[in-house]
Amino acid sequence: MLISAAAVYAQTLRQEHPERGDEAIELADLFIRQARRRVEALFGELFSNEDDANYALAQQVLAGRHTWIEEGIADPSGDGPMIAEQPEAVQDTGEQDESREATAHQSNGAPPVGAKVQ
């Protein structure tokens, strides 16, 4: 996308500012060459990588191997649980139902927001 944008912008500059046209084309040309080289390198890395070795090692870690590497690592939670306790559920007092009914009466019979209309 950026390659196309650079080319189009350089052509636009050439048309709108002919005195800058050659310089705009030179800059765009160099940018496009560099971008193509980066794209080619990234595609090369896409198919030449260590994905298989990474996956195999990840499976070993999940199976319990390599746990020795964790020795000496400080637990950020200290002696507490890793996940904070969750607050107790809010008890339903029925006030929400009363509020919905009041809203329905105030809105001239229109159904409350979120109500199913059939």
N, C-alpha and C. Protein backbone atom coordinates (compact mmCIF):
# COMPACT_ATOMS: atom_id res chain seq x y z
N MET A 1 0.82 -1.18 0.00
CA MET A 1 0.00 0.00 0.00
C MET A 1 0.88 1.26 0.00
N LEU A 2 1.92 1.27 0.83
CA LEU A 2 2.76 2.46 0.88
C LEU A 2 3.54 2.67 -0.41
N ILE A 3 3.90 1.56 -1.06
CA ILE A 3 4.60 1.69 -2.34
C ILE A 3 3.70 2.40 -3.34
N SER A 4 2.44 1.97 -3.42
CA SER A 4 1.49 2.60 -4.33
C SER A 4 1.26 4.05 -3.96
N ALA A 5 1.13 4.32 -2.67
CA ALA A 5 0.90 5.69 -2.23
C ALA A 5 2.07 6.59 -2.59
N ALA A 6 3.30 6.09 -2.41
CA ALA A 6 4.49 6.89 -2.74
C ALA A 6 4.52 7.19 -4.24
N ALA A 7 4.20 6.20 -5.06
CA ALA A 7 4.22 6.39 -6.51
C ALA A 7 3.15 7.40 -6.94
N VAL A 8 1.96 7.25 -6.40
CA VAL A 8 0.86 8.16 -6.76
C VAL A 8 1.17 9.57 -6.30
N TYR A 9 1.71 9.70 -5.08
CA TYR A 9 2.01 11.04 -4.55
C TYR A 9 3.09 11.72 -5.40
N ALA A 10 4.10 10.95 -5.81
CA ALA A 10 5.16 11.52 -6.64
C ALA A 10 4.59 12.00 -7.97
N GLN A 11 3.70 11.22 -8.57
CA GLN A 11 3.07 11.63 -9.83
C GLN A 11 2.20 12.88 -9.63
N THR A 12 1.50 12.93 -8.50
CA THR A 12 0.67 14.10 -8.20
C THR A 12 1.54 15.34 -8.05
N LEU A 13 2.64 15.20 -7.33
CA LEU A 13 3.55 16.35 -7.18
C LEU A 13 4.11 16.78 -8.52
N ARG A 14 4.42 15.82 -9.37
CA ARG A 14 4.96 16.15 -10.70
C ARG A 14 3.94 16.96 -11.50
N GLN A 15 2.66 16.61 -11.39
CA GLN A 15 1.62 17.32 -12.13
C GLN A 15 1.33 18.69 -11.53
N GLU A 16 1.26 18.76 -10.17
CA GLU A 16 0.88 20.01 -9.52
C GLU A 16 2.06 20.98 -9.35
N HIS A 17 3.25 20.45 -9.26
CA HIS A 17 4.46 21.28 -9.09
C HIS A 17 5.55 20.74 -10.01
N PRO A 18 5.47 21.05 -11.29
CA PRO A 18 6.44 20.50 -12.25
C PRO A 18 7.90 20.78 -11.87
N GLU A 19 8.14 21.88 -11.18
CA GLU A 19 9.51 22.21 -10.80
C GLU A 19 10.07 21.22 -9.76
N ARG A 20 9.20 20.53 -9.04
CA ARG A 20 9.63 19.55 -8.03
C ARG A 20 9.46 18.11 -8.52
N GLY A 21 8.93 17.94 -9.70
CA GLY A 21 8.57 16.62 -10.21
C GLY A 21 9.71 15.62 -10.24
N ASP A 22 10.87 16.03 -10.78
CA ASP A 22 11.99 15.10 -10.88
C ASP A 22 12.48 14.66 -9.51
N GLU A 23 12.55 15.61 -8.58
CA GLU A 23 12.99 15.27 -7.22
C GLU A 23 11.99 14.34 -6.54
N ALA A 24 10.71 14.59 -6.73
CA ALA A 24 9.68 13.75 -6.12
C ALA A 24 9.78 12.32 -6.66
N ILE A 25 10.02 12.19 -7.95
CA ILE A 25 10.15 10.87 -8.56
C ILE A 25 11.40 10.17 -8.02
N GLU A 26 12.51 10.89 -7.88
CA GLU A 26 13.74 10.30 -7.35
C GLU A 26 13.53 9.77 -5.93
N LEU A 27 12.88 10.58 -5.10
CA LEU A 27 12.63 10.17 -3.71
C LEU A 27 11.71 8.95 -3.67
N ALA A 28 10.66 9.00 -4.46
CA ALA A 28 9.71 7.88 -4.48
C ALA A 28 10.39 6.62 -5.00
N ASP A 29 11.22 6.75 -6.02
CA ASP A 29 11.92 5.61 -6.59
C ASP A 29 12.81 4.94 -5.54
N LEU A 30 13.58 5.73 -4.81
CA LEU A 30 14.45 5.15 -3.79
C LEU A 30 13.62 4.51 -2.67
N PHE A 31 12.55 5.17 -2.24
CA PHE A 31 11.69 4.60 -1.20
C PHE A 31 11.12 3.26 -1.66
N ILE A 32 10.68 3.21 -2.90
CA ILE A 32 10.07 1.98 -3.43
C ILE A 32 11.10 0.86 -3.51
N ARG A 33 12.31 1.17 -3.94
CA ARG A 33 13.36 0.14 -3.98
C ARG A 33 13.64 -0.41 -2.59
N GLN A 34 13.74 0.48 -1.61
CA GLN A 34 14.01 0.04 -0.23
C GLN A 34 12.85 -0.79 0.30
N ALA A 35 11.64 -0.36 0.02
CA ALA A 35 10.46 -1.08 0.50
C ALA A 35 10.39 -2.47 -0.12
N ARG A 36 10.69 -2.57 -1.42
CA ARG A 36 10.69 -3.89 -2.06
C ARG A 36 11.72 -4.82 -1.42
N ARG A 37 12.89 -4.28 -1.10
CA ARG A 37 13.92 -5.09 -0.46
C ARG A 37 13.43 -5.58 0.91
N ARG A 38 12.77 -4.70 1.67
CA ARG A 38 12.24 -5.10 2.98
C ARG A 38 11.17 -6.18 2.83
N VAL A 39 10.30 -6.03 1.85
CA VAL A 39 9.24 -7.01 1.62
C VAL A 39 9.85 -8.36 1.23
N GLU A 40 10.83 -8.36 0.34
CA GLU A 40 11.48 -9.61 -0.06
C GLU A 40 12.14 -10.29 1.13
N ALA A 41 12.80 -9.51 1.99
CA ALA A 41 13.45 -10.08 3.17
C ALA A 41 12.41 -10.68 4.12
N LEU A 42 11.32 -9.98 4.32
CA LEU A 42 10.28 -10.48 5.22
C LEU A 42 9.64 -11.76 4.68
N PHE A 43 9.40 -11.82 3.37
CA PHE A 43 8.84 -13.04 2.80
C PHE A 43 9.83 -14.19 2.91
N GLY A 44 11.11 -13.90 2.76
CA GLY A 44 12.11 -14.93 2.94
C GLY A 44 12.11 -15.48 4.36
N GLU A 45 11.97 -14.59 5.33
CA GLU A 45 11.92 -15.00 6.73
C GLU A 45 10.63 -15.75 7.06
N LEU A 46 9.60 -15.48 6.31
CA LEU A 46 8.32 -16.13 6.57
C LEU A 46 8.42 -17.64 6.38
N PHE A 47 9.19 -18.06 5.41
CA PHE A 47 9.30 -19.49 5.12
C PHE A 47 10.61 -20.10 5.60
N SER A 48 11.51 -19.30 6.10
CA SER A 48 12.78 -19.81 6.62
C SER A 48 12.88 -19.33 8.07
N ASN A 49 12.36 -20.15 8.99
CA ASN A 49 12.30 -19.72 10.39
C ASN A 49 12.42 -20.92 11.31
N GLU A 50 12.25 -20.69 12.57
CA GLU A 50 12.36 -21.74 13.57
C GLU A 50 11.00 -22.13 14.15
N ASP A 51 9.94 -21.97 13.39
CA ASP A 51 8.60 -22.27 13.90
C ASP A 51 8.47 -23.70 14.40
N ASP A 52 8.99 -24.66 13.66
CA ASP A 52 8.86 -26.06 14.08
C ASP A 52 9.58 -26.30 15.40
N ALA A 53 10.80 -25.76 15.52
CA ALA A 53 11.56 -25.92 16.77
C ALA A 53 10.87 -25.19 17.92
N ASN A 54 10.33 -24.00 17.67
CA ASN A 54 9.61 -23.25 18.70
C ASN A 54 8.40 -24.03 19.18
N TYR A 55 7.66 -24.60 18.25
CA TYR A 55 6.46 -25.36 18.61
C TYR A 55 6.82 -26.59 19.43
N ALA A 56 7.85 -27.31 18.99
CA ALA A 56 8.26 -28.52 19.71
C ALA A 56 8.69 -28.19 21.13
N LEU A 57 9.44 -27.12 21.31
CA LEU A 57 9.87 -26.73 22.65
C LEU A 57 8.68 -26.27 23.49
N ALA A 58 7.75 -25.54 22.90
CA ALA A 58 6.56 -25.10 23.64
C ALA A 58 5.77 -26.30 24.14
N GLN A 59 5.67 -27.34 23.31
CA GLN A 59 4.96 -28.54 23.74
C GLN A 59 5.68 -29.21 24.92
N GLN A 60 7.00 -29.19 24.90
CA GLN A 60 7.77 -29.76 26.02
C GLN A 60 7.52 -28.97 27.30
N VAL A 61 7.49 -27.65 27.19
CA VAL A 61 7.24 -26.81 28.37
C VAL A 61 5.84 -27.10 28.92
N LEU A 62 4.86 -27.21 28.04
CA LEU A 62 3.50 -27.51 28.49
C LEU A 62 3.40 -28.89 29.13
N ALA A 63 4.29 -29.80 28.72
CA ALA A 63 4.29 -31.15 29.29
C ALA A 63 5.05 -31.21 30.61
N GLY A 64 5.62 -30.08 31.05
CA GLY A 64 6.28 -30.04 32.35
C GLY A 64 7.79 -30.10 32.30
N ARG A 65 8.37 -30.10 31.14
CA ARG A 65 9.82 -30.10 31.01
C ARG A 65 10.36 -28.69 31.18
N HIS A 66 11.59 -28.56 31.54
CA HIS A 66 12.29 -27.27 31.66
C HIS A 66 11.80 -26.42 32.83
N THR A 67 11.17 -27.03 33.82
CA THR A 67 10.67 -26.25 34.96
C THR A 67 11.80 -25.68 35.80
N TRP A 68 13.00 -26.24 35.68
CA TRP A 68 14.14 -25.76 36.47
C TRP A 68 14.44 -24.29 36.17
N ILE A 69 14.06 -23.82 34.98
CA ILE A 69 14.36 -22.43 34.61
C ILE A 69 13.58 -21.44 35.48
N GLU A 70 12.51 -21.92 36.12
CA GLU A 70 11.68 -21.06 36.96
C GLU A 70 12.26 -20.88 38.36
N GLU A 71 13.26 -21.69 38.72
CA GLU A 71 13.83 -21.63 40.06
C GLU A 71 14.43 -20.25 40.31
N GLY A 72 14.10 -19.69 41.46
CA GLY A 72 14.66 -18.40 41.85
C GLY A 72 13.90 -17.20 41.33
N ILE A 73 12.86 -17.42 40.56
CA ILE A 73 12.07 -16.29 40.06
C ILE A 73 11.12 -15.85 41.16
N ALA A 74 11.11 -14.56 41.45
CA ALA A 74 10.25 -14.04 42.51
C ALA A 74 8.80 -14.06 42.04
N ASP A 75 7.91 -14.55 42.91
CA ASP A 75 6.48 -14.57 42.63
C ASP A 75 5.94 -13.17 42.89
N PRO A 76 5.43 -12.49 41.88
CA PRO A 76 4.96 -11.11 42.07
C PRO A 76 3.80 -11.00 43.06
N SER A 77 3.11 -12.11 43.31
CA SER A 77 1.97 -12.05 44.22
C SER A 77 2.41 -12.28 45.67
N GLY A 78 3.70 -12.56 45.90
CA GLY A 78 4.16 -12.84 47.25
C GLY A 78 3.55 -14.14 47.73
N ASP A 79 2.96 -14.13 48.91
CA ASP A 79 2.33 -15.33 49.43
C ASP A 79 0.85 -15.42 49.05
N GLY A 80 0.35 -14.40 48.41
CA GLY A 80 -1.07 -14.36 48.07
C GLY A 80 -1.38 -15.12 46.80
N PRO A 81 -2.65 -15.15 46.42
CA PRO A 81 -3.03 -15.86 45.20
C PRO A 81 -2.59 -15.07 43.96
N MET A 82 -2.36 -15.76 42.87
CA MET A 82 -1.95 -15.10 41.63
C MET A 82 -3.08 -14.26 41.04
N ILE A 83 -4.33 -14.67 41.32
CA ILE A 83 -5.49 -13.94 40.80
C ILE A 83 -6.24 -13.35 41.99
N ALA A 84 -6.51 -12.07 41.93
CA ALA A 84 -7.20 -11.42 43.03
C ALA A 84 -8.60 -12.00 43.19
N GLU A 85 -9.07 -12.01 44.43
CA GLU A 85 -10.42 -12.49 44.68
C GLU A 85 -11.42 -11.55 44.04
N GLN A 86 -12.51 -12.13 43.57
CA GLN A 86 -13.54 -11.35 42.92
C GLN A 86 -14.56 -10.89 43.95
N PRO A 87 -15.16 -9.71 43.75
CA PRO A 87 -16.17 -9.24 44.70
C PRO A 87 -17.39 -10.15 44.67
N GLU A 88 -18.11 -10.16 45.77
CA GLU A 88 -19.33 -10.96 45.84
C GLU A 88 -20.35 -10.40 44.87
N ALA A 89 -21.21 -11.27 44.39
CA ALA A 89 -22.23 -10.86 43.43
C ALA A 89 -23.19 -9.88 44.09
N VAL A 90 -23.67 -8.94 43.31
CA VAL A 90 -24.65 -7.97 43.80
C VAL A 90 -26.00 -8.66 43.85
N GLN A 91 -26.68 -8.53 44.98
CA GLN A 91 -27.99 -9.16 45.12
C GLN A 91 -29.04 -8.33 44.42
N ASP A 92 -29.96 -9.04 43.77
CA ASP A 92 -31.05 -8.39 43.05
C ASP A 92 -32.09 -7.91 44.05
N THR A 93 -32.31 -6.60 44.11
CA THR A 93 -33.28 -6.04 45.06
C THR A 93 -34.63 -5.78 44.39
N GLY A 94 -34.71 -5.98 43.08
CA GLY A 94 -35.95 -5.73 42.37
C GLY A 94 -36.09 -4.28 41.95
N GLU A 95 -35.17 -3.42 42.35
CA GLU A 95 -35.27 -2.00 42.02
C GLU A 95 -35.17 -1.76 40.52
N GLN A 96 -34.40 -2.61 39.82
CA GLN A 96 -34.25 -2.42 38.38
C GLN A 96 -35.57 -2.63 37.66
N ASP A 97 -36.35 -3.63 38.09
CA ASP A 97 -37.65 -3.86 37.47
C ASP A 97 -38.55 -2.65 37.67
N GLU A 98 -38.55 -2.09 38.89
CA GLU A 98 -39.36 -0.91 39.17
C GLU A 98 -38.92 0.26 38.30
N SER A 99 -37.61 0.39 38.09
CA SER A 99 -37.09 1.47 37.27
C SER A 99 -37.53 1.31 35.82
N ARG A 100 -37.55 0.08 35.32
CA ARG A 100 -37.99 -0.17 33.94
C ARG A 100 -39.46 0.22 33.77
N GLU A 101 -40.25 -0.15 34.76
CA GLU A 101 -41.68 0.18 34.68
C GLU A 101 -41.88 1.69 34.69
N ALA A 102 -41.14 2.39 35.55
CA ALA A 102 -41.25 3.84 35.61
C ALA A 102 -40.83 4.47 34.29
N THR A 103 -39.78 3.95 33.69
CA THR A 103 -39.31 4.48 32.41
C THR A 103 -40.36 4.27 31.33
N ALA A 104 -41.01 3.12 31.33
CA ALA A 104 -42.04 2.83 30.33
C ALA A 104 -43.20 3.82 30.46
N HIS A 105 -43.56 4.16 31.68
CA HIS A 105 -44.66 5.10 31.88
C HIS A 105 -44.27 6.51 31.46
N GLN A 106 -43.01 6.88 31.67
CA GLN A 106 -42.55 8.22 31.33
C GLN A 106 -42.37 8.40 29.83
N SER A 107 -42.20 7.30 29.10
CA SER A 107 -41.89 7.42 27.67
C SER A 107 -43.13 7.27 26.79
N ASN A 108 -44.30 7.57 27.35
CA ASN A 108 -45.55 7.56 26.59
C ASN A 108 -45.83 6.22 25.94
N GLY A 109 -45.59 5.15 26.66
CA GLY A 109 -45.93 3.82 26.16
C GLY A 109 -44.89 3.17 25.28
N ALA A 110 -43.81 3.87 24.95
CA ALA A 110 -42.76 3.26 24.13
C ALA A 110 -42.06 2.20 24.99
N PRO A 111 -41.67 1.11 24.37
CA PRO A 111 -41.01 0.06 25.16
C PRO A 111 -39.68 0.55 25.72
N PRO A 112 -39.29 0.07 26.90
CA PRO A 112 -38.01 0.48 27.46
C PRO A 112 -36.86 -0.01 26.59
N VAL A 113 -35.75 0.65 26.69
CA VAL A 113 -34.56 0.27 25.94
C VAL A 113 -34.21 -1.16 26.30
N GLY A 114 -33.93 -1.98 25.31
CA GLY A 114 -33.56 -3.35 25.55
C GLY A 114 -34.75 -4.29 25.59
N ALA A 115 -35.95 -3.76 25.54
CA ALA A 115 -37.14 -4.62 25.59
C ALA A 115 -37.36 -5.21 24.20
N LYS A 116 -37.83 -6.43 24.17
CA LYS A 116 -38.12 -7.08 22.90
C LYS A 116 -39.48 -6.61 22.42
N VAL A 117 -39.51 -6.15 21.18
CA VAL A 117 -40.76 -5.72 20.57
C VAL A 117 -41.17 -6.78 19.56
N GLN A 118 -42.39 -7.28 19.70
CA GLN A 118 -42.84 -8.33 18.78
C GLN A 118 -43.98 -7.83 17.94
